[in-house]
PDB file of N, CA and C in Angstrom:
ATOM      1  N   MET A   1       8.263 -36.388   3.384  1.00  0.00           N
ATOM      2  CA  MET A   1       9.023 -37.500   2.742  1.00  0.00           C
ATOM      3  C   MET A   1       9.277 -37.272   1.225  1.00  0.00           C
ATOM      4  N   ALA A   2      10.524 -37.632   1.007  1.00  0.00           N
ATOM      5  CA  ALA A   2      11.076 -37.439  -0.467  1.00  0.00           C
ATOM      6  C   ALA A   2      11.586 -38.774  -1.021  1.00  0.00           C
ATOM      7  N   THR A   3      11.408 -38.916  -2.311  1.00  0.00           N
ATOM      8  CA  THR A   3      11.979 -40.138  -2.988  1.00  0.00           C
ATOM      9  C   THR A   3      12.977 -39.626  -4.059  1.00  0.00           C
ATOM     10  N   TYR A   4      14.118 -40.115  -4.111  1.00  0.00           N
ATOM     11  CA  TYR A   4      15.158 -39.945  -5.206  1.00  0.00           C
ATOM     12  C   TYR A   4      15.463 -41.178  -5.881  1.00  0.00           C
ATOM     13  N   ASN A   5      15.503 -41.115  -7.276  1.00  0.00           N
ATOM     14  CA  ASN A   5      15.765 -42.136  -8.050  1.00  0.00           C
ATOM     15  C   ASN A   5      17.314 -42.205  -8.413  1.00  0.00           C
ATOM     16  N   PHE A   6      17.854 -43.366  -8.290  1.00  0.00           N
ATOM     17  CA  PHE A   6      19.262 -43.620  -8.533  1.00  0.00           C
ATOM     18  C   PHE A   6      19.555 -44.807  -9.347  1.00  0.00           C
ATOM     19  N   ASN A   7      20.365 -44.758 -10.542  1.00  0.00           N
ATOM     20  CA  ASN A   7      20.696 -45.883 -11.236  1.00  0.00           C
ATOM     21  C   ASN A   7      22.207 -46.243 -10.783  1.00  0.00           C
ATOM     22  N   ILE A   8      22.340 -47.472 -10.336  1.00  0.00           N
ATOM     23  CA  ILE A   8      23.684 -47.922  -9.812  1.00  0.00           C
ATOM     24  C   ILE A   8      24.819 -47.610 -10.767  1.00  0.00           C
ATOM     25  N   THR A   9      24.520 -47.588 -11.905  1.00  0.00           N
ATOM     26  CA  THR A   9      25.565 -47.445 -12.929  1.00  0.00           C
ATOM     27  C   THR A   9      26.132 -46.011 -13.087  1.00  0.00           C
ATOM     28  N   ALA A  10      25.477 -44.989 -12.263  1.00  0.00           N
ATOM     29  CA  ALA A  10      26.085 -43.660 -12.293  1.00  0.00           C
ATOM     30  C   ALA A  10      27.174 -43.663 -11.268  1.00  0.00           C
ATOM     31  N   SER A  11      28.148 -42.988 -11.622  1.00  0.00           N
ATOM     32  CA  SER A  11      29.478 -43.252 -10.660  1.00  0.00           C
ATOM     33  C   SER A  11      29.242 -42.450  -9.439  1.00  0.00           C
ATOM     34  N   SER A  12      28.847 -41.098  -9.592  1.00  0.00           N
ATOM     35  CA  SER A  12      28.748 -40.177  -8.284  1.00  0.00           C
ATOM     36  C   SER A  12      28.072 -39.084  -8.693  1.00  0.00           C
ATOM     37  N   VAL A  13      27.027 -38.660  -7.893  1.00  0.00           N
ATOM     38  CA  VAL A  13      26.307 -37.700  -8.052  1.00  0.00           C
ATOM     39  C   VAL A  13      26.003 -36.941  -6.776  1.00  0.00           C
ATOM     40  N   GLN A  14      25.873 -35.512  -6.711  1.00  0.00           N
ATOM     41  CA  GLN A  14      25.544 -34.855  -5.495  1.00  0.00           C
ATOM     42  C   GLN A  14      23.991 -35.113  -5.084  1.00  0.00           C
ATOM     43  N   GLN A  15      23.781 -35.224  -3.844  1.00  0.00           N
ATOM     44  CA  GLN A  15      22.354 -35.257  -3.427  1.00  0.00           C
ATOM     45  C   GLN A  15      21.525 -34.131  -4.048  1.00  0.00           C
ATOM     46  N   PRO A  16      20.396 -34.435  -4.606  1.00  0.00           N
ATOM     47  CA  PRO A  16      19.775 -33.445  -5.298  1.00  0.00           C
ATOM     48  C   PRO A  16      19.078 -32.296  -4.497  1.00  0.00           C
ATOM     49  N   ALA A  17      18.897 -32.474  -3.328  1.00  0.00           N
ATOM     50  CA  ALA A  17      18.166 -31.459  -2.364  1.00  0.00           C
ATOM     51  C   ALA A  17      18.582 -31.592  -0.767  1.00  0.00           C
ATOM     52  N   ASP A  18      18.434 -30.642  -0.121  1.00  0.00           N
ATOM     53  CA  ASP A  18      18.744 -30.682   1.302  1.00  0.00           C
ATOM     54  C   ASP A  18      17.588 -31.759   1.799  1.00  0.00           C
ATOM     55  N   ILE A  19      18.125 -32.381   3.135  1.00  0.00           N
ATOM     56  CA  ILE A  19      17.278 -33.285   3.804  1.00  0.00           C
ATOM     57  C   ILE A  19      17.144 -32.735   5.187  1.00  0.00           C
ATOM     58  N   GLY A  20      16.030 -32.725   5.772  1.00  0.00           N
ATOM     59  CA  GLY A  20      15.896 -32.276   7.262  1.00  0.00           C
ATOM     60  C   GLY A  20      16.190 -33.166   8.136  1.00  0.00           C
ATOM     61  N   ALA A  21      16.636 -33.015   9.221  1.00  0.00           N
ATOM     62  CA  ALA A  21      16.755 -33.795  10.457  1.00  0.00           C
ATOM     63  C   ALA A  21      15.522 -34.499  10.740  1.00  0.00           C
ATOM     64  N   GLY A  22      15.316 -35.855  10.775  1.00  0.00           N
ATOM     65  CA  GLY A  22      14.215 -36.541  10.947  1.00  0.00           C
ATOM     66  C   GLY A  22      13.213 -36.776   9.980  1.00  0.00           C
ATOM     67  N   VAL A  23      13.562 -36.459   8.755  1.00  0.00           N
ATOM     68  CA  VAL A  23      12.696 -36.458   7.496  1.00  0.00           C
ATOM     69  C   VAL A  23      13.041 -37.788   6.790  1.00  0.00           C
ATOM     70  N   SER A  24      11.988 -38.618   6.735  1.00  0.00           N
ATOM     71  CA  SER A  24      12.166 -39.870   6.030  1.00  0.00           C
ATOM     72  C   SER A  24      12.482 -39.704   4.542  1.00  0.00           C
ATOM     73  N   THR A  25      13.563 -40.295   3.992  1.00  0.00           N
ATOM     74  CA  THR A  25      13.916 -40.203   2.682  1.00  0.00           C
ATOM     75  C   THR A  25      14.131 -41.434   2.025  1.00  0.00           C
ATOM     76  N   THR A  26      13.565 -41.757   0.815  1.00  0.00           N
ATOM     77  CA  THR A  26      13.642 -43.072   0.204  1.00  0.00           C
ATOM     78  C   THR A  26      14.610 -42.886  -1.059  1.00  0.00           C
ATOM     79  N   PHE A  27      15.577 -43.781  -1.233  1.00  0.00           N
ATOM     80  CA  PHE A  27      16.398 -43.783  -2.302  1.00  0.00           C
ATOM     81  C   PHE A  27      15.778 -44.992  -3.255  1.00  0.00           C
ATOM     82  N   ALA A  28      15.091 -44.898  -4.390  1.00  0.00           N
ATOM     83  CA  ALA A  28      14.710 -45.827  -5.193  1.00  0.00           C
ATOM     84  C   ALA A  28      15.877 -46.295  -6.162  1.00  0.00           C
ATOM     85  N   ILE A  29      16.563 -47.293  -5.878  1.00  0.00           N
ATOM     86  CA  ILE A  29      17.801 -47.589  -6.535  1.00  0.00           C
ATOM     87  C   ILE A  29      17.605 -48.690  -7.725  1.00  0.00           C
ATOM     88  N   THR A  30      17.935 -48.400  -8.843  1.00  0.00           N
ATOM     89  CA  THR A  30      17.827 -49.207  -9.974  1.00  0.00           C
ATOM     90  C   THR A  30      19.231 -49.968 -10.283  1.00  0.00           C
ATOM     91  N   ASN A  31      19.121 -51.298 -10.505  1.00  0.00           N
ATOM     92  CA  ASN A  31      20.349 -51.933 -10.735  1.00  0.00           C
ATOM     93  C   ASN A  31      20.058 -52.725 -12.011  1.00  0.00           C
ATOM     94  N   PRO A  32      20.450 -52.171 -13.172  1.00  0.00           N
ATOM     95  CA  PRO A  32      20.204 -52.936 -14.348  1.00  0.00           C
ATOM     96  C   PRO A  32      21.305 -54.105 -14.724  1.00  0.00           C
ATOM     97  N   LEU A  33      22.012 -54.323 -13.895  1.00  0.00           N
ATOM     98  CA  LEU A  33      23.236 -55.397 -14.145  1.00  0.00           C
ATOM     99  C   LEU A  33      22.733 -56.598 -13.679  1.00  0.00           C
ATOM    100  N   THR A  34      23.353 -57.681 -14.240  1.00  0.00           N
ATOM    101  CA  THR A  34      22.886 -59.126 -13.931  1.00  0.00           C
ATOM    102  C   THR A  34      23.811 -59.768 -12.653  1.00  0.00           C
ATOM    103  N   THR A  35      24.557 -58.840 -11.944  1.00  0.00           N
ATOM    104  CA  THR A  35      25.212 -59.200 -10.716  1.00  0.00           C
ATOM    105  C   THR A  35      25.040 -58.039  -9.769  1.00  0.00           C
ATOM    106  N   ASP A  36      25.155 -58.376  -8.492  1.00  0.00           N
ATOM    107  CA  ASP A  36      24.923 -57.491  -7.291  1.00  0.00           C
ATOM    108  C   ASP A  36      25.958 -56.271  -7.661  1.00  0.00           C
ATOM    109  N   ALA A  37      25.507 -55.231  -7.174  1.00  0.00           N
ATOM    110  CA  ALA A  37      26.419 -53.833  -7.147  1.00  0.00           C
ATOM    111  C   ALA A  37      26.315 -53.202  -5.799  1.00  0.00           C
ATOM    112  N   TYR A  38      26.841 -52.223  -5.756  1.00  0.00           N
ATOM    113  CA  TYR A  38      26.767 -51.388  -4.323  1.00  0.00           C
ATOM    114  C   TYR A  38      26.279 -49.928  -4.579  1.00  0.00           C
ATOM    115  N   PHE A  39      25.501 -49.568  -3.490  1.00  0.00           N
ATOM    116  CA  PHE A  39      25.140 -48.086  -3.513  1.00  0.00           C
ATOM    117  C   PHE A  39      25.545 -47.406  -2.188  1.00  0.00           C
ATOM    118  N   THR A  40      26.151 -46.273  -2.234  1.00  0.00           N
ATOM    119  CA  THR A  40      26.690 -45.646  -1.120  1.00  0.00           C
ATOM    120  C   THR A  40      26.411 -44.228  -0.988  1.00  0.00           C
ATOM    121  N   LEU A  41      26.004 -43.841   0.298  1.00  0.00           N
ATOM    122  CA  LEU A  41      25.872 -42.439   0.735  1.00  0.00           C
ATOM    123  C   LEU A  41      27.220 -42.067   1.320  1.00  0.00           C
ATOM    124  N   GLU A  42      27.706 -40.798   0.909  1.00  0.00           N
ATOM    125  CA  GLU A  42      28.953 -40.593   1.631  1.00  0.00           C
ATOM    126  C   GLU A  42      29.039 -39.021   1.652  1.00  0.00           C
ATOM    127  N   THR A  43      29.404 -38.731   3.042  1.00  0.00           N
ATOM    128  CA  THR A  43      29.698 -37.362   3.123  1.00  0.00           C
ATOM    129  C   THR A  43      31.061 -36.900   2.390  1.00  0.00           C
ATOM    130  N   VAL A  44      30.872 -35.701   1.743  1.00  0.00           N
ATOM    131  CA  VAL A  44      31.901 -35.232   0.901  1.00  0.00           C
ATOM    132  C   VAL A  44      33.111 -35.014   1.810  1.00  0.00           C
ATOM    133  N   PRO A  45      34.433 -35.742   1.479  1.00  0.00           N
ATOM    134  CA  PRO A  45      35.516 -35.641   2.367  1.00  0.00           C
ATOM    135  C   PRO A  45      36.144 -34.283   2.346  1.00  0.00           C
ATOM    136  N   GLY A  46      37.081 -33.912   3.038  1.00  0.00           N
ATOM    137  CA  GLY A  46      37.763 -32.746   3.305  1.00  0.00           C
ATOM    138  C   GLY A  46      38.769 -32.726   2.448  1.00  0.00           C
ATOM    139  N   PRO A  47      39.709 -31.505   2.310  1.00  0.00           N
ATOM    140  CA  PRO A  47      40.729 -31.438   1.339  1.00  0.00           C
ATOM    141  C   PRO A  47      41.822 -32.420   1.382  1.00  0.00           C
ATOM    142  N   ASN A  48      41.939 -33.233   2.632  1.00  0.00           N
ATOM    143  CA  ASN A  48      42.910 -34.154   2.849  1.00  0.00           C
ATOM    144  C   ASN A  48      42.436 -35.529   2.516  1.00  0.00           C
ATOM    145  N   GLY A  49      41.054 -35.689   2.040  1.00  0.00           N
ATOM    146  CA  GLY A  49      40.568 -36.953   1.690  1.00  0.00           C
ATOM    147  C   GLY A  49      39.919 -37.696   2.886  1.00  0.00           C
ATOM    148  N   GLY A  50      39.800 -36.965   4.086  1.00  0.00           N
ATOM    149  CA  GLY A  50      39.232 -37.713   5.066  1.00  0.00           C
ATOM    150  C   GLY A  50      38.157 -36.833   5.603  1.00  0.00           C
ATOM    151  N   TYR A  51      37.608 -37.250   6.827  1.00  0.00           N
ATOM    152  CA  TYR A  51      36.483 -36.522   7.378  1.00  0.00           C
ATOM    153  C   TYR A  51      37.140 -35.888   8.759  1.00  0.00           C
ATOM    154  N   ALA A  52      36.961 -34.492   8.876  1.00  0.00           N
ATOM    155  CA  ALA A  52      37.441 -33.750   9.815  1.00  0.00           C
ATOM    156  C   ALA A  52      36.567 -34.157  10.924  1.00  0.00           C
ATOM    157  N   ALA A  53      37.141 -33.841  12.276  1.00  0.00           N
ATOM    158  CA  ALA A  53      36.114 -33.981  13.536  1.00  0.00           C
ATOM    159  C   ALA A  53      34.890 -33.087  13.625  1.00  0.00           C
ATOM    160  N   SER A  54      35.105 -31.914  12.673  1.00  0.00           N
ATOM    161  CA  SER A  54      34.125 -31.004  12.642  1.00  0.00           C
ATOM    162  C   SER A  54      33.030 -31.394  11.430  1.00  0.00           C
ATOM    163  N   ALA A  55      33.215 -32.236  10.696  1.00  0.00           N
ATOM    164  CA  ALA A  55      32.503 -32.597   9.413  1.00  0.00           C
ATOM    165  C   ALA A  55      30.931 -33.021   9.967  1.00  0.00           C
ATOM    166  N   VAL A  56      30.014 -32.716   9.392  1.00  0.00           N
ATOM    167  CA  VAL A  56      28.655 -33.183   9.555  1.00  0.00           C
ATOM    168  C   VAL A  56      28.557 -34.552   9.547  1.00  0.00           C
ATOM    169  N   LYS A  57      27.876 -35.287  10.423  1.00  0.00           N
ATOM    170  CA  LYS A  57      27.770 -36.810  10.521  1.00  0.00           C
ATOM    171  C   LYS A  57      26.532 -37.049   9.520  1.00  0.00           C
ATOM    172  N   ASN A  58      26.676 -36.973   8.172  1.00  0.00           N
ATOM    173  CA  ASN A  58      25.493 -36.949   7.283  1.00  0.00           C
ATOM    174  C   ASN A  58      24.863 -38.386   7.185  1.00  0.00           C
ATOM    175  N   THR A  59      25.455 -39.477   7.547  1.00  0.00           N
ATOM    176  CA  THR A  59      24.983 -40.705   7.521  1.00  0.00           C
ATOM    177  C   THR A  59      24.503 -41.256   9.003  1.00  0.00           C
ATOM    178  N   SER A  60      24.643 -40.439  10.063  1.00  0.00           N
ATOM    179  CA  SER A  60      23.983 -40.928  11.386  1.00  0.00           C
ATOM    180  C   SER A  60      22.599 -40.738  11.310  1.00  0.00           C
ATOM    181  N   GLY A  61      21.868 -41.921  11.791  1.00  0.00           N
ATOM    182  CA  GLY A  61      20.277 -41.943  11.670  1.00  0.00           C
ATOM    183  C   GLY A  61      20.103 -43.467  11.516  1.00  0.00           C
ATOM    184  N   SER A  62      18.737 -43.597  11.023  1.00  0.00           N
ATOM    185  CA  SER A  62      18.304 -45.032  10.872  1.00  0.00           C
ATOM    186  C   SER A  62      18.053 -45.370   9.439  1.00  0.00           C
ATOM    187  N   PHE A  63      18.430 -46.623   9.140  1.00  0.00           N
ATOM    188  CA  PHE A  63      18.145 -47.218   7.659  1.00  0.00           C
ATOM    189  C   PHE A  63      17.357 -48.149   7.806  1.00  0.00           C
ATOM    190  N   THR A  64      16.420 -48.299   6.676  1.00  0.00           N
ATOM    191  CA  THR A  64      15.474 -49.433   6.412  1.00  0.00           C
ATOM    192  C   THR A  64      15.760 -50.071   5.090  1.00  0.00           C
ATOM    193  N   LEU A  65      16.112 -51.191   4.929  1.00  0.00           N
ATOM    194  CA  LEU A  65      16.440 -51.823   3.620  1.00  0.00           C
ATOM    195  C   LEU A  65      15.205 -52.615   3.155  1.00  0.00           C
ATOM    196  N   GLY A  66      14.841 -52.273   1.813  1.00  0.00           N
ATOM    197  CA  GLY A  66      13.724 -52.955   1.212  1.00  0.00           C
ATOM    198  C   GLY A  66      14.246 -54.155   0.599  1.00  0.00           C
ATOM    199  N   ALA A  67      13.310 -54.940   0.000  1.00  0.00           N
ATOM    200  CA  ALA A  67      13.701 -56.154  -0.830  1.00  0.00           C
ATOM    201  C   ALA A  67      14.676 -55.858  -1.965  1.00  0.00           C
ATOM    202  N   GLY A  68      15.589 -56.605  -2.013  1.00  0.00           N
ATOM    203  CA  GLY A  68      16.659 -56.354  -3.047  1.00  0.00           C
ATOM    204  C   GLY A  68      17.994 -55.736  -2.535  1.00  0.00           C
ATOM    205  N   LEU A  69      17.826 -55.385  -1.240  1.00  0.00           N
ATOM    206  CA  LEU A  69      19.130 -54.672  -0.506  1.00  0.00           C
ATOM    207  C   LEU A  69      19.526 -55.549   0.588  1.00  0.00           C
ATOM    208  N   THR A  70      20.726 -55.733   0.747  1.00  0.00           N
ATOM    209  CA  THR A  70      21.278 -56.438   1.947  1.00  0.00           C
ATOM    210  C   THR A  70      22.641 -55.788   2.384  1.00  0.00           C
ATOM    211  N   GLY A  71      23.151 -56.127   3.527  1.00  0.00           N
ATOM    212  CA  GLY A  71      24.574 -55.900   3.834  1.00  0.00           C
ATOM    213  C   GLY A  71      24.887 -54.366   4.156  1.00  0.00           C
ATOM    214  N   LEU A  72      23.989 -53.807   5.003  1.00  0.00           N
ATOM    215  CA  LEU A  72      24.300 -52.413   5.214  1.00  0.00           C
ATOM    216  C   LEU A  72      25.581 -52.292   6.148  1.00  0.00           C
ATOM    217  N   VAL A  73      26.386 -51.435   5.612  1.00  0.00           N
ATOM    218  CA  VAL A  73      27.544 -51.080   6.348  1.00  0.00           C
ATOM    219  C   VAL A  73      27.435 -49.484   6.635  1.00  0.00           C
ATOM    220  N   GLN A  74      27.585 -49.050   8.058  1.00  0.00           N
ATOM    221  CA  GLN A  74      27.337 -47.557   8.179  1.00  0.00           C
ATOM    222  C   GLN A  74      28.207 -47.190   9.240  1.00  0.00           C
ATOM    223  N   SER A  75      28.641 -45.862   8.972  1.00  0.00           N
ATOM    224  CA  SER A  75      29.346 -45.055  10.078  1.00  0.00           C
ATOM    225  C   SER A  75      28.625 -43.668   9.945  1.00  0.00           C
ATOM    226  N   ASP A  76      29.174 -42.742  10.760  1.00  0.00           N
ATOM    227  CA  ASP A  76      28.657 -41.461  10.684  1.00  0.00           C
ATOM    228  C   ASP A  76      28.681 -40.567   9.524  1.00  0.00           C
ATOM    229  N   TYR A  77      29.706 -40.946   8.629  1.00  0.00           N
ATOM    230  CA  TYR A  77      29.943 -40.369   7.472  1.00  0.00           C
ATOM    231  C   TYR A  77      29.801 -41.084   6.158  1.00  0.00           C
ATOM    232  N   ILE A  78      29.488 -42.390   6.254  1.00  0.00           N
ATOM    233  CA  ILE A  78      29.394 -43.188   4.997  1.00  0.00           C
ATOM    234  C   ILE A  78      28.512 -44.379   5.247  1.00  0.00           C
ATOM    235  N   ALA A  79      27.604 -44.698   4.392  1.00  0.00           N
ATOM    236  CA  ALA A  79      26.839 -45.901   4.435  1.00  0.00           C
ATOM    237  C   ALA A  79      26.781 -46.630   3.050  1.00  0.00           C
ATOM    238  N   SER A  80      26.712 -47.872   3.107  1.00  0.00           N
ATOM    239  CA  SER A  80      26.577 -48.541   1.835  1.00  0.00           C
ATOM    240  C   SER A  80      25.860 -49.727   2.095  1.00  0.00           C
ATOM    241  N   VAL A  81      25.135 -50.086   0.780  1.00  0.00           N
ATOM    242  CA  VAL A  81      24.321 -51.359   0.801  1.00  0.00           C
ATOM    243  C   VAL A  81      24.739 -52.200  -0.518  1.00  0.00           C
ATOM    244  N   ILE A  82      24.451 -53.477  -0.424  1.00  0.00           N
ATOM    245  CA  ILE A  82      24.655 -54.372  -1.656  1.00  0.00           C
ATOM    246  C   ILE A  82      23.183 -54.313  -2.224  1.00  0.00           C
ATOM    247  N   VAL A  83      23.180 -54.134  -3.712  1.00  0.00           N
ATOM    248  CA  VAL A  83      21.837 -54.018  -4.436  1.00  0.00           C
ATOM    249  C   VAL A  83      21.823 -55.222  -5.540  1.00  0.00           C
ATOM    250  N   ALA A  84      20.926 -55.990  -5.376  1.00  0.00           N
ATOM    251  CA  ALA A  84      20.634 -57.098  -6.134  1.00  0.00           C
ATOM    252  C   ALA A  84      20.146 -56.641  -7.469  1.00  0.00           C
ATOM    253  N   PRO A  85      20.174 -57.593  -8.749  1.00  0.00           N
ATOM    254  CA  PRO A  85      19.749 -57.223  -9.892  1.00  0.00           C
ATOM    255  C   PRO A  85      18.393 -56.793  -9.811  1.00  0.00           C
ATOM    256  N   GLY A  86      17.914 -55.692 -10.424  1.00  0.00           N
ATOM    257  CA  GLY A  86      16.601 -55.077 -10.289  1.00  0.00           C
ATOM    258  C   GLY A  86      16.557 -53.868  -9.570  1.00  0.00           C
ATOM    259  N   GLY A  87      17.228 -54.061  -8.320  1.00  0.00           N
ATOM    260  CA  GLY A  87      17.374 -52.869  -7.413  1.00  0.00           C
ATOM    261  C   GLY A  87      16.426 -53.118  -6.144  1.00  0.00           C
ATOM    262  N   GLY A  88      16.006 -51.901  -5.653  1.00  0.00           N
ATOM    263  CA  GLY A  88      15.550 -51.973  -4.253  1.00  0.00           C
ATOM    264  C   GLY A  88      15.381 -50.515  -3.573  1.00  0.00           C
ATOM    265  N   ASN A  89      14.600 -50.374  -2.548  1.00  0.00           N
ATOM    266  CA  ASN A  89      14.283 -49.118  -1.940  1.00  0.00           C
ATOM    267  C   ASN A  89      15.213 -48.951  -0.649  1.00  0.00           C
ATOM    268  N   LEU A  90      15.881 -47.989  -0.489  1.00  0.00           N
ATOM    269  CA  LEU A  90      16.564 -47.687   0.735  1.00  0.00           C
ATOM    270  C   LEU A  90      15.977 -46.532   1.592  1.00  0.00           C
ATOM    271  N   THR A  91      15.357 -46.666   2.716  1.00  0.00           N
ATOM    272  CA  THR A  91      14.779 -45.625   3.400  1.00  0.00           C
ATOM    273  C   THR A  91      15.688 -45.158   4.464  1.00  0.00           C
ATOM    274  N   PHE A  92      15.990 -43.722   4.598  1.00  0.00           N
ATOM    275  CA  PHE A  92      16.972 -43.121   5.541  1.00  0.00           C
ATOM    276  C   PHE A  92      16.090 -41.957   6.200  1.00  0.00           C
ATOM    277  N   VAL A  93      16.399 -41.989   7.532  1.00  0.00           N
ATOM    278  CA  VAL A  93      15.780 -40.941   8.310  1.00  0.00           C
ATOM    279  C   VAL A  93      17.174 -40.356   9.141  1.00  0.00           C
ATOM    280  N   PRO A  94      17.631 -39.293   8.645  1.00  0.00           N
ATOM    281  CA  PRO A  94      18.845 -38.757   9.167  1.00  0.00           C
ATOM    282  C   PRO A  94      18.574 -38.127  10.553  1.00  0.00           C
ATOM    283  N   ALA A  95      19.740 -38.097  11.321  1.00  0.00           N
ATOM    284  CA  ALA A  95      19.732 -37.570  12.827  1.00  0.00           C
ATOM    285  C   ALA A  95      19.945 -36.188  12.738  1.00  0.00           C
ATOM    286  N   VAL A  96      20.690 -35.674  11.643  1.00  0.00           N
ATOM    287  CA  VAL A  96      21.003 -34.424  11.498  1.00  0.00           C
ATOM    288  C   VAL A  96      20.494 -33.738  10.128  1.00  0.00           C
ATOM    289  N   ALA A  97      20.317 -32.535  10.079  1.00  0.00           N
ATOM    290  CA  ALA A  97      20.125 -31.845   8.790  1.00  0.00           C
ATOM    291  C   ALA A  97      21.168 -32.045   7.830  1.00  0.00           C
ATOM    292  N   ILE A  98      20.868 -32.304   6.493  1.00  0.00           N
ATOM    293  CA  ILE A  98      21.932 -32.743   5.456  1.00  0.00           C
ATOM    294  C   ILE A  98      21.747 -31.510   4.355  1.00  0.00           C
ATOM    295  N   THR A  99      22.965 -30.815   4.269  1.00  0.00           N
ATOM    296  CA  THR A  99      23.033 -30.036   3.039  1.00  0.00           C
ATOM    297  C   THR A  99      23.340 -30.694   1.843  1.00  0.00           C
ATOM    298  N   ALA A 100      22.649 -30.656   0.720  1.00  0.00           N
ATOM    299  CA  ALA A 100      22.983 -31.298  -0.503  1.00  0.00           C
ATOM    300  C   ALA A 100      24.340 -31.394  -0.885  1.00  0.00           C
ATOM    301  N   ALA A 101      24.941 -30.295  -0.932  1.00  0.00           N
ATOM    302  CA  ALA A 101      26.333 -30.034  -1.333  1.00  0.00           C
ATOM    303  C   ALA A 101      27.326 -30.902  -0.567  1.00  0.00           C
ATOM    304  N   ASN A 102      27.053 -31.357   0.631  1.00  0.00           N
ATOM    305  CA  ASN A 102      27.796 -32.188   1.416  1.00  0.00           C
ATOM    306  C   ASN A 102      27.561 -33.741   1.468  1.00  0.00           C
ATOM    307  N   LEU A 103      26.689 -34.129   0.557  1.00  0.00           N
ATOM    308  CA  LEU A 103      26.403 -35.571   0.389  1.00  0.00           C
ATOM    309  C   LEU A 103      26.333 -36.151  -0.915  1.00  0.00           C
ATOM    310  N   SER A 104      27.230 -37.088  -1.176  1.00  0.00           N
ATOM    311  CA  SER A 104      27.334 -37.703  -2.637  1.00  0.00           C
ATOM    312  C   SER A 104      26.664 -39.103  -2.492  1.00  0.00           C
ATOM    313  N   LEU A 105      25.970 -39.363  -3.683  1.00  0.00           N
ATOM    314  CA  LEU A 105      25.379 -40.659  -4.028  1.00  0.00           C
ATOM    315  C   LEU A 105      26.259 -41.350  -5.062  1.00  0.00           C
ATOM    316  N   ARG A 106      26.729 -42.614  -4.616  1.00  0.00           N
ATOM    317  CA  ARG A 106      27.685 -43.204  -5.464  1.00  0.00           C
ATOM    318  C   ARG A 106      27.311 -44.717  -5.787  1.00  0.00           C
ATOM    319  N   GLY A 107      27.365 -45.099  -7.149  1.00  0.00           N
ATOM    320  CA  GLY A 107      27.013 -46.354  -7.512  1.00  0.00           C
ATOM    321  C   GLY A 107      28.221 -47.026  -7.831  1.00  0.00           C
ATOM    322  N   VAL A 108      28.431 -48.399  -7.664  1.00  0.00           N
ATOM    323  CA  VAL A 108      29.714 -49.086  -7.938  1.00  0.00           C
ATOM    324  C   VAL A 108      28.952 -50.313  -8.758  1.00  0.00           C
ATOM    325  N   GLY A 109      29.055 -50.000 -10.086  1.00  0.00           N
ATOM    326  CA  GLY A 109      28.352 -51.080 -11.006  1.00  0.00           C
ATOM    327  C   GLY A 109      29.365 -51.044 -12.233  1.00  0.00           C
ATOM    328  N   ALA A 110      29.016 -51.750 -13.249  1.00  0.00           N
ATOM    329  CA  ALA A 110      29.811 -51.982 -14.452  1.00  0.00           C
ATOM    330  C   ALA A 110      30.077 -50.678 -15.047  1.00  0.00           C
TER     331      ALA A 110
END
């Protein structure tokens, strides 16, 4: 199991390390804002800006939302949650192995 810290005001960063299929991974998300913000895990889009049928389904798997997180929206290529002020933990167990270069962590805050 690995834990990655992420501040919601960071615009976009690459996943820091590969994640094995079935390996529980926690994202400790900090939201220093006074309003809700969003945290997104996103498969890096192809050259046309979309996901090719052959793209790895980086966000297929199971998600567990800790206190401070709501509103999970998930597909095989992108997953997003609402993060309350203060933040919270998002635990993700991917169904497939994820190469760090193919997954972005994105915050949508001020």
